[in-house]
N, C-alpha and C. Protein backbone atom coordinates (compact mmCIF):
# COMPACT_ATOMS: atom_id res chain seq x y z
N MET A 1 -46.37 -37.08 67.94
CA MET A 1 -47.47 -37.05 68.88
C MET A 1 -47.49 -38.31 69.76
N ARG A 2 -47.20 -39.44 69.13
CA ARG A 2 -47.22 -40.68 69.89
C ARG A 2 -46.16 -40.65 70.97
N GLU A 3 -44.95 -40.21 70.60
CA GLU A 3 -43.87 -40.15 71.58
C GLU A 3 -44.22 -39.20 72.72
N ARG A 4 -44.83 -38.08 72.37
CA ARG A 4 -45.22 -37.10 73.40
C ARG A 4 -46.30 -37.70 74.31
N ALA A 5 -47.28 -38.40 73.74
CA ALA A 5 -48.34 -39.01 74.54
C ALA A 5 -47.76 -40.05 75.50
N VAL A 6 -46.83 -40.87 75.02
CA VAL A 6 -46.20 -41.89 75.87
C VAL A 6 -45.43 -41.23 77.00
N GLU A 7 -44.67 -40.18 76.68
CA GLU A 7 -43.90 -39.49 77.71
C GLU A 7 -44.82 -38.84 78.76
N GLU A 8 -45.89 -38.23 78.31
CA GLU A 8 -46.84 -37.63 79.26
C GLU A 8 -47.48 -38.70 80.15
N PHE A 9 -47.84 -39.81 79.55
CA PHE A 9 -48.43 -40.92 80.31
C PHE A 9 -47.43 -41.43 81.35
N ARG A 10 -46.20 -41.66 80.91
CA ARG A 10 -45.16 -42.17 81.80
C ARG A 10 -44.93 -41.20 82.97
N ARG A 11 -44.84 -39.90 82.66
CA ARG A 11 -44.61 -38.90 83.69
C ARG A 11 -45.77 -38.88 84.69
N THR A 12 -47.00 -38.92 84.20
CA THR A 12 -48.17 -38.88 85.07
C THR A 12 -48.21 -40.09 86.00
N VAL A 13 -47.96 -41.27 85.47
CA VAL A 13 -47.97 -42.49 86.28
C VAL A 13 -46.86 -42.45 87.32
N GLU A 14 -45.65 -42.09 86.92
CA GLU A 14 -44.53 -42.08 87.85
C GLU A 14 -44.71 -41.04 88.94
N LYS A 15 -45.18 -39.84 88.59
CA LYS A 15 -45.37 -38.79 89.60
C LYS A 15 -46.53 -39.13 90.54
N THR A 16 -47.57 -39.76 90.01
CA THR A 16 -48.69 -40.17 90.87
C THR A 16 -48.22 -41.23 91.86
N ALA A 17 -47.46 -42.18 91.37
CA ALA A 17 -46.92 -43.21 92.26
C ALA A 17 -46.02 -42.59 93.32
N GLU A 18 -45.14 -41.68 92.89
CA GLU A 18 -44.23 -41.00 93.80
C GLU A 18 -44.98 -40.23 94.88
N ALA A 19 -46.07 -39.58 94.50
CA ALA A 19 -46.88 -38.81 95.46
C ALA A 19 -47.48 -39.70 96.54
N HIS A 20 -47.61 -40.98 96.26
CA HIS A 20 -48.18 -41.93 97.22
C HIS A 20 -47.12 -42.84 97.84
N GLY A 21 -45.84 -42.44 97.68
CA GLY A 21 -44.76 -43.21 98.28
C GLY A 21 -44.49 -44.53 97.57
N CYS A 22 -44.85 -44.61 96.32
CA CYS A 22 -44.67 -45.86 95.56
C CYS A 22 -43.78 -45.59 94.34
N THR A 23 -43.48 -46.64 93.67
CA THR A 23 -42.80 -46.52 92.38
C THR A 23 -43.65 -47.22 91.33
N ALA A 24 -43.42 -46.85 90.11
CA ALA A 24 -44.15 -47.48 89.01
C ALA A 24 -43.18 -47.80 87.90
N ARG A 25 -43.40 -48.93 87.27
CA ARG A 25 -42.61 -49.31 86.11
C ARG A 25 -43.57 -49.57 84.95
N ILE A 26 -43.34 -48.89 83.87
CA ILE A 26 -44.23 -49.02 82.71
C ILE A 26 -43.47 -49.71 81.59
N GLU A 27 -44.08 -50.73 81.04
CA GLU A 27 -43.50 -51.42 79.88
C GLU A 27 -44.50 -51.30 78.74
N LEU A 28 -44.07 -50.69 77.68
CA LEU A 28 -44.92 -50.51 76.51
C LEU A 28 -44.25 -51.15 75.31
N ASP A 29 -45.03 -51.89 74.55
CA ASP A 29 -44.54 -52.41 73.28
C ASP A 29 -44.97 -51.44 72.20
N ASP A 30 -44.04 -51.07 71.36
CA ASP A 30 -44.36 -50.16 70.27
C ASP A 30 -45.09 -50.95 69.20
N TYR A 31 -46.31 -50.55 68.88
CA TYR A 31 -47.12 -51.24 67.88
C TYR A 31 -46.46 -51.22 66.51
N GLY A 32 -45.94 -50.11 66.16
CA GLY A 32 -45.34 -49.98 64.84
C GLY A 32 -45.21 -48.52 64.48
N PRO A 33 -44.84 -48.26 63.24
CA PRO A 33 -44.65 -46.87 62.84
C PRO A 33 -45.97 -46.11 62.75
N VAL A 34 -45.85 -44.81 62.77
CA VAL A 34 -47.00 -43.92 62.63
C VAL A 34 -47.48 -43.98 61.19
N VAL A 35 -48.80 -43.98 61.00
CA VAL A 35 -49.35 -43.88 59.64
C VAL A 35 -49.12 -42.45 59.17
N TRP A 36 -48.36 -42.33 58.11
CA TRP A 36 -47.99 -41.01 57.60
C TRP A 36 -48.29 -40.96 56.12
N ASN A 37 -49.08 -39.99 55.72
CA ASN A 37 -49.38 -39.81 54.31
C ASN A 37 -48.29 -38.99 53.65
N ASN A 38 -47.77 -39.51 52.54
CA ASN A 38 -46.76 -38.80 51.77
C ASN A 38 -47.39 -37.53 51.18
N PRO A 39 -46.91 -36.35 51.56
CA PRO A 39 -47.54 -35.10 51.11
C PRO A 39 -47.61 -34.94 49.59
N GLU A 40 -46.57 -35.36 48.89
CA GLU A 40 -46.57 -35.23 47.43
C GLU A 40 -47.62 -36.16 46.82
N LEU A 41 -47.73 -37.36 47.34
CA LEU A 41 -48.73 -38.30 46.83
C LEU A 41 -50.14 -37.78 47.12
N VAL A 42 -50.36 -37.23 48.29
CA VAL A 42 -51.67 -36.66 48.63
C VAL A 42 -52.00 -35.51 47.68
N ARG A 43 -51.04 -34.63 47.46
CA ARG A 43 -51.26 -33.50 46.55
C ARG A 43 -51.64 -34.00 45.16
N ARG A 44 -50.95 -35.02 44.74
CA ARG A 44 -51.15 -35.58 43.41
C ARG A 44 -52.48 -36.32 43.27
N MET A 45 -52.92 -37.02 44.32
CA MET A 45 -54.10 -37.89 44.24
C MET A 45 -55.38 -37.26 44.77
N LYS A 46 -55.27 -36.17 45.51
CA LYS A 46 -56.46 -35.53 46.09
C LYS A 46 -57.49 -35.14 45.03
N PRO A 47 -57.08 -34.61 43.87
CA PRO A 47 -58.08 -34.30 42.84
C PRO A 47 -58.86 -35.53 42.37
N THR A 48 -58.24 -36.68 42.36
CA THR A 48 -58.94 -37.91 41.98
C THR A 48 -60.03 -38.21 43.00
N LEU A 49 -59.70 -38.11 44.27
CA LEU A 49 -60.72 -38.35 45.31
C LEU A 49 -61.85 -37.34 45.20
N ALA A 50 -61.51 -36.09 44.96
CA ALA A 50 -62.53 -35.04 44.84
C ALA A 50 -63.43 -35.31 43.63
N ARG A 51 -62.85 -35.79 42.55
CA ARG A 51 -63.64 -36.08 41.35
C ARG A 51 -64.65 -37.19 41.64
N GLU A 52 -64.26 -38.18 42.42
CA GLU A 52 -65.16 -39.29 42.71
C GLU A 52 -66.17 -38.96 43.82
N ALA A 53 -65.68 -38.43 44.91
CA ALA A 53 -66.54 -38.25 46.09
C ALA A 53 -67.15 -36.86 46.19
N GLY A 54 -66.63 -35.91 45.43
CA GLY A 54 -67.07 -34.52 45.55
C GLY A 54 -66.13 -33.77 46.47
N GLN A 55 -65.70 -32.60 46.04
CA GLN A 55 -64.72 -31.81 46.81
C GLN A 55 -65.15 -31.60 48.25
N GLU A 56 -66.45 -31.41 48.47
CA GLU A 56 -66.94 -31.15 49.84
C GLU A 56 -66.78 -32.35 50.76
N HIS A 57 -66.56 -33.54 50.21
CA HIS A 57 -66.41 -34.75 51.02
C HIS A 57 -64.95 -35.15 51.22
N VAL A 58 -64.03 -34.43 50.62
CA VAL A 58 -62.61 -34.74 50.79
C VAL A 58 -62.04 -33.73 51.77
N VAL A 59 -61.85 -34.19 53.00
CA VAL A 59 -61.36 -33.33 54.07
C VAL A 59 -60.19 -34.00 54.75
N GLU A 60 -59.29 -33.21 55.29
CA GLU A 60 -58.17 -33.76 56.04
C GLU A 60 -58.66 -34.16 57.42
N ALA A 61 -58.45 -35.41 57.77
CA ALA A 61 -58.90 -35.92 59.07
C ALA A 61 -57.98 -35.42 60.17
N GLU A 62 -58.54 -35.27 61.34
CA GLU A 62 -57.74 -34.95 62.52
C GLU A 62 -56.88 -36.16 62.87
N PRO A 63 -55.68 -35.96 63.40
CA PRO A 63 -54.86 -37.10 63.80
C PRO A 63 -55.57 -37.95 64.85
N VAL A 64 -55.38 -39.24 64.77
CA VAL A 64 -55.96 -40.18 65.74
C VAL A 64 -54.84 -41.05 66.30
N MET A 65 -55.08 -41.64 67.44
CA MET A 65 -54.05 -42.44 68.09
C MET A 65 -54.14 -43.93 67.74
N GLY A 66 -54.99 -44.29 66.81
CA GLY A 66 -55.11 -45.69 66.42
C GLY A 66 -53.87 -46.17 65.69
N GLY A 67 -53.75 -47.45 65.55
CA GLY A 67 -52.65 -48.04 64.82
C GLY A 67 -53.16 -48.73 63.57
N GLU A 68 -52.30 -48.90 62.62
CA GLU A 68 -52.72 -49.51 61.35
C GLU A 68 -51.52 -50.16 60.69
N ASP A 69 -51.70 -51.41 60.25
CA ASP A 69 -50.62 -52.13 59.57
C ASP A 69 -50.16 -51.42 58.30
N PHE A 70 -51.02 -50.63 57.71
CA PHE A 70 -50.68 -49.89 56.49
C PHE A 70 -49.39 -49.10 56.67
N ALA A 71 -49.14 -48.64 57.88
CA ALA A 71 -47.94 -47.84 58.16
C ALA A 71 -46.67 -48.56 57.75
N LEU A 72 -46.66 -49.88 57.86
CA LEU A 72 -45.47 -50.64 57.48
C LEU A 72 -45.24 -50.58 55.97
N TYR A 73 -46.31 -50.60 55.19
CA TYR A 73 -46.17 -50.47 53.73
C TYR A 73 -45.67 -49.07 53.38
N ALA A 74 -46.25 -48.06 54.03
CA ALA A 74 -45.92 -46.68 53.71
C ALA A 74 -44.48 -46.31 54.11
N LYS A 75 -43.85 -47.14 54.93
CA LYS A 75 -42.43 -46.91 55.22
C LYS A 75 -41.56 -47.28 54.03
N GLY A 76 -42.04 -48.23 53.21
CA GLY A 76 -41.26 -48.70 52.09
C GLY A 76 -41.53 -47.99 50.77
N VAL A 77 -42.75 -47.53 50.60
CA VAL A 77 -43.14 -46.82 49.37
C VAL A 77 -44.05 -45.67 49.76
N PRO A 78 -44.13 -44.62 48.95
CA PRO A 78 -45.03 -43.52 49.28
C PRO A 78 -46.46 -44.05 49.46
N GLY A 79 -47.10 -43.62 50.53
CA GLY A 79 -48.44 -44.11 50.84
C GLY A 79 -49.41 -42.99 51.13
N MET A 80 -50.69 -43.34 51.01
CA MET A 80 -51.77 -42.39 51.30
C MET A 80 -52.93 -43.20 51.89
N PHE A 81 -53.21 -42.98 53.14
CA PHE A 81 -54.28 -43.67 53.86
C PHE A 81 -55.47 -42.73 53.93
N PHE A 82 -56.64 -43.24 53.61
CA PHE A 82 -57.82 -42.38 53.73
C PHE A 82 -58.98 -43.18 54.30
N PHE A 83 -59.92 -42.47 54.86
CA PHE A 83 -61.11 -43.06 55.44
C PHE A 83 -62.26 -42.98 54.43
N LEU A 84 -63.04 -44.03 54.38
CA LEU A 84 -64.25 -44.04 53.58
C LEU A 84 -65.41 -43.84 54.55
N GLY A 85 -66.16 -42.77 54.39
CA GLY A 85 -67.25 -42.48 55.32
C GLY A 85 -68.37 -43.50 55.22
N VAL A 86 -68.52 -44.32 56.25
CA VAL A 86 -69.57 -45.35 56.26
C VAL A 86 -70.57 -45.14 57.40
N ARG A 87 -70.46 -43.99 58.06
CA ARG A 87 -71.36 -43.68 59.17
C ARG A 87 -72.68 -43.16 58.62
N ASN A 88 -73.79 -43.59 59.23
CA ASN A 88 -75.11 -43.12 58.84
C ASN A 88 -76.01 -43.21 60.06
N GLU A 89 -76.24 -42.08 60.71
CA GLU A 89 -77.02 -42.06 61.95
C GLU A 89 -78.44 -42.55 61.75
N LYS A 90 -79.04 -42.25 60.59
CA LYS A 90 -80.43 -42.65 60.33
C LYS A 90 -80.62 -44.16 60.38
N MET A 91 -79.60 -44.91 59.98
CA MET A 91 -79.73 -46.37 59.98
C MET A 91 -79.02 -47.02 61.18
N GLY A 92 -78.48 -46.20 62.08
CA GLY A 92 -77.81 -46.72 63.27
C GLY A 92 -76.37 -47.12 63.05
N ALA A 93 -75.79 -46.73 61.95
CA ALA A 93 -74.37 -47.03 61.67
C ALA A 93 -73.53 -45.97 62.34
N VAL A 94 -73.35 -46.11 63.65
CA VAL A 94 -72.68 -45.08 64.45
C VAL A 94 -71.57 -45.62 65.35
N HIS A 95 -71.40 -46.93 65.37
CA HIS A 95 -70.43 -47.53 66.29
C HIS A 95 -69.06 -47.66 65.63
N PRO A 96 -67.99 -47.63 66.43
CA PRO A 96 -66.64 -47.70 65.87
C PRO A 96 -66.36 -49.05 65.22
N LEU A 97 -65.34 -49.05 64.38
CA LEU A 97 -64.98 -50.19 63.55
C LEU A 97 -64.84 -51.51 64.31
N HIS A 98 -64.19 -51.54 65.44
CA HIS A 98 -63.95 -52.81 66.13
C HIS A 98 -64.98 -53.10 67.21
N SER A 99 -66.11 -52.44 67.17
CA SER A 99 -67.20 -52.69 68.12
C SER A 99 -68.03 -53.87 67.63
N PRO A 100 -68.55 -54.68 68.55
CA PRO A 100 -69.44 -55.76 68.12
C PRO A 100 -70.75 -55.22 67.53
N LYS A 101 -71.01 -53.94 67.75
CA LYS A 101 -72.22 -53.31 67.20
C LYS A 101 -71.95 -52.59 65.88
N PHE A 102 -70.73 -52.73 65.36
CA PHE A 102 -70.37 -52.04 64.12
C PHE A 102 -71.32 -52.40 62.99
N LEU A 103 -71.75 -51.37 62.29
CA LEU A 103 -72.61 -51.50 61.13
C LEU A 103 -72.15 -50.41 60.17
N LEU A 104 -72.15 -50.69 58.88
CA LEU A 104 -71.74 -49.66 57.96
C LEU A 104 -72.84 -49.43 56.93
N ASP A 105 -72.86 -48.22 56.44
CA ASP A 105 -73.77 -47.86 55.36
C ASP A 105 -73.16 -48.39 54.08
N GLN A 106 -73.70 -49.46 53.56
CA GLN A 106 -73.11 -50.13 52.41
C GLN A 106 -73.20 -49.32 51.12
N THR A 107 -73.98 -48.26 51.12
CA THR A 107 -74.02 -47.42 49.92
C THR A 107 -72.69 -46.71 49.70
N ALA A 108 -71.83 -46.69 50.71
CA ALA A 108 -70.51 -46.08 50.57
C ALA A 108 -69.53 -47.01 49.84
N LEU A 109 -69.80 -48.29 49.81
CA LEU A 109 -68.85 -49.23 49.23
C LEU A 109 -68.58 -49.00 47.74
N PRO A 110 -69.58 -48.77 46.90
CA PRO A 110 -69.27 -48.48 45.49
C PRO A 110 -68.41 -47.22 45.33
N VAL A 111 -68.62 -46.23 46.18
CA VAL A 111 -67.78 -45.03 46.13
C VAL A 111 -66.34 -45.40 46.44
N GLY A 112 -66.14 -46.24 47.43
CA GLY A 112 -64.79 -46.67 47.79
C GLY A 112 -64.12 -47.46 46.68
N VAL A 113 -64.87 -48.35 46.05
CA VAL A 113 -64.31 -49.15 44.96
C VAL A 113 -63.93 -48.25 43.78
N ARG A 114 -64.82 -47.31 43.44
CA ARG A 114 -64.51 -46.39 42.34
C ARG A 114 -63.32 -45.51 42.69
N ALA A 115 -63.27 -45.02 43.92
CA ALA A 115 -62.15 -44.16 44.33
C ALA A 115 -60.83 -44.92 44.24
N MET A 116 -60.78 -46.14 44.78
CA MET A 116 -59.54 -46.92 44.73
C MET A 116 -59.15 -47.22 43.28
N SER A 117 -60.13 -47.55 42.45
CA SER A 117 -59.85 -47.84 41.05
C SER A 117 -59.31 -46.62 40.32
N LEU A 118 -59.97 -45.47 40.53
CA LEU A 118 -59.52 -44.24 39.88
C LEU A 118 -58.15 -43.80 40.38
N LEU A 119 -57.87 -43.99 41.67
CA LEU A 119 -56.55 -43.66 42.19
C LEU A 119 -55.48 -44.48 41.49
N ALA A 120 -55.74 -45.77 41.32
CA ALA A 120 -54.76 -46.63 40.64
C ALA A 120 -54.59 -46.20 39.18
N ILE A 121 -55.70 -45.94 38.50
CA ILE A 121 -55.63 -45.55 37.09
C ILE A 121 -54.90 -44.23 36.93
N ASP A 122 -55.26 -43.25 37.74
CA ASP A 122 -54.61 -41.93 37.63
C ASP A 122 -53.13 -41.99 38.01
N TYR A 123 -52.80 -42.82 38.99
CA TYR A 123 -51.40 -42.95 39.40
C TYR A 123 -50.56 -43.51 38.25
N VAL A 124 -51.07 -44.55 37.61
CA VAL A 124 -50.34 -45.18 36.51
C VAL A 124 -50.33 -44.29 35.27
N ALA A 125 -51.43 -43.60 35.02
CA ALA A 125 -51.55 -42.77 33.82
C ALA A 125 -50.69 -41.52 33.89
N ASN A 126 -50.32 -41.10 35.08
CA ASN A 126 -49.53 -39.88 35.25
C ASN A 126 -48.27 -40.18 36.05
N PRO A 127 -47.31 -40.90 35.44
CA PRO A 127 -46.10 -41.26 36.19
C PRO A 127 -45.29 -40.04 36.59
N GLN A 128 -44.52 -40.22 37.65
CA GLN A 128 -43.67 -39.16 38.18
C GLN A 128 -42.22 -39.53 37.95
N ASP A 129 -41.36 -38.53 37.80
CA ASP A 129 -39.93 -38.82 37.72
C ASP A 129 -39.38 -38.98 39.13
N ASP A 130 -38.09 -39.13 39.26
CA ASP A 130 -37.47 -39.35 40.57
C ASP A 130 -37.64 -38.17 41.52
N LYS A 131 -37.95 -37.01 41.01
CA LYS A 131 -38.11 -35.82 41.85
C LYS A 131 -39.57 -35.64 42.30
N GLY A 132 -40.48 -36.56 41.89
CA GLY A 132 -41.88 -36.44 42.27
C GLY A 132 -42.66 -35.49 41.40
N THR A 133 -42.11 -35.10 40.27
CA THR A 133 -42.84 -34.21 39.37
C THR A 133 -43.25 -34.98 38.13
N PRO A 134 -44.30 -34.56 37.43
CA PRO A 134 -44.75 -35.31 36.26
C PRO A 134 -43.64 -35.44 35.23
N GLU A 135 -43.56 -36.63 34.63
CA GLU A 135 -42.59 -36.84 33.56
C GLU A 135 -43.04 -36.08 32.32
N HIS A 136 -42.10 -35.53 31.62
CA HIS A 136 -42.39 -34.83 30.38
C HIS A 136 -41.77 -35.62 29.24
N ASN A 137 -42.59 -36.10 28.33
CA ASN A 137 -42.10 -36.88 27.20
C ASN A 137 -41.80 -35.98 26.02
């Protein structure tokens, strides 16, 4: 998706410039790799998230164009990135993460700590063999 978005942007800028008798040169620095969740790890860990947060609160997020350093870790080892819902309209926690008006509903933090702890415990308690399937002793 990122490559397609860059190509569409480049084409739009170049054709717009051309239509006005100009040229355009675009220089983009690649932020880094795409954040990609390992499907096997997600399949394996999703029940843990559902147990902590409730099945109705575990949903697959729509792709976003943001960047995240986590992607560099997930290139080296299987990774799973998830969002902790901290939005609460009643208290005004509605602004995006990097906004100076950002506020979060802190009641979500214990859920996040428990979820991360349970993910680590379940991951270690249920090791996988080299094929990604549970080890049988």
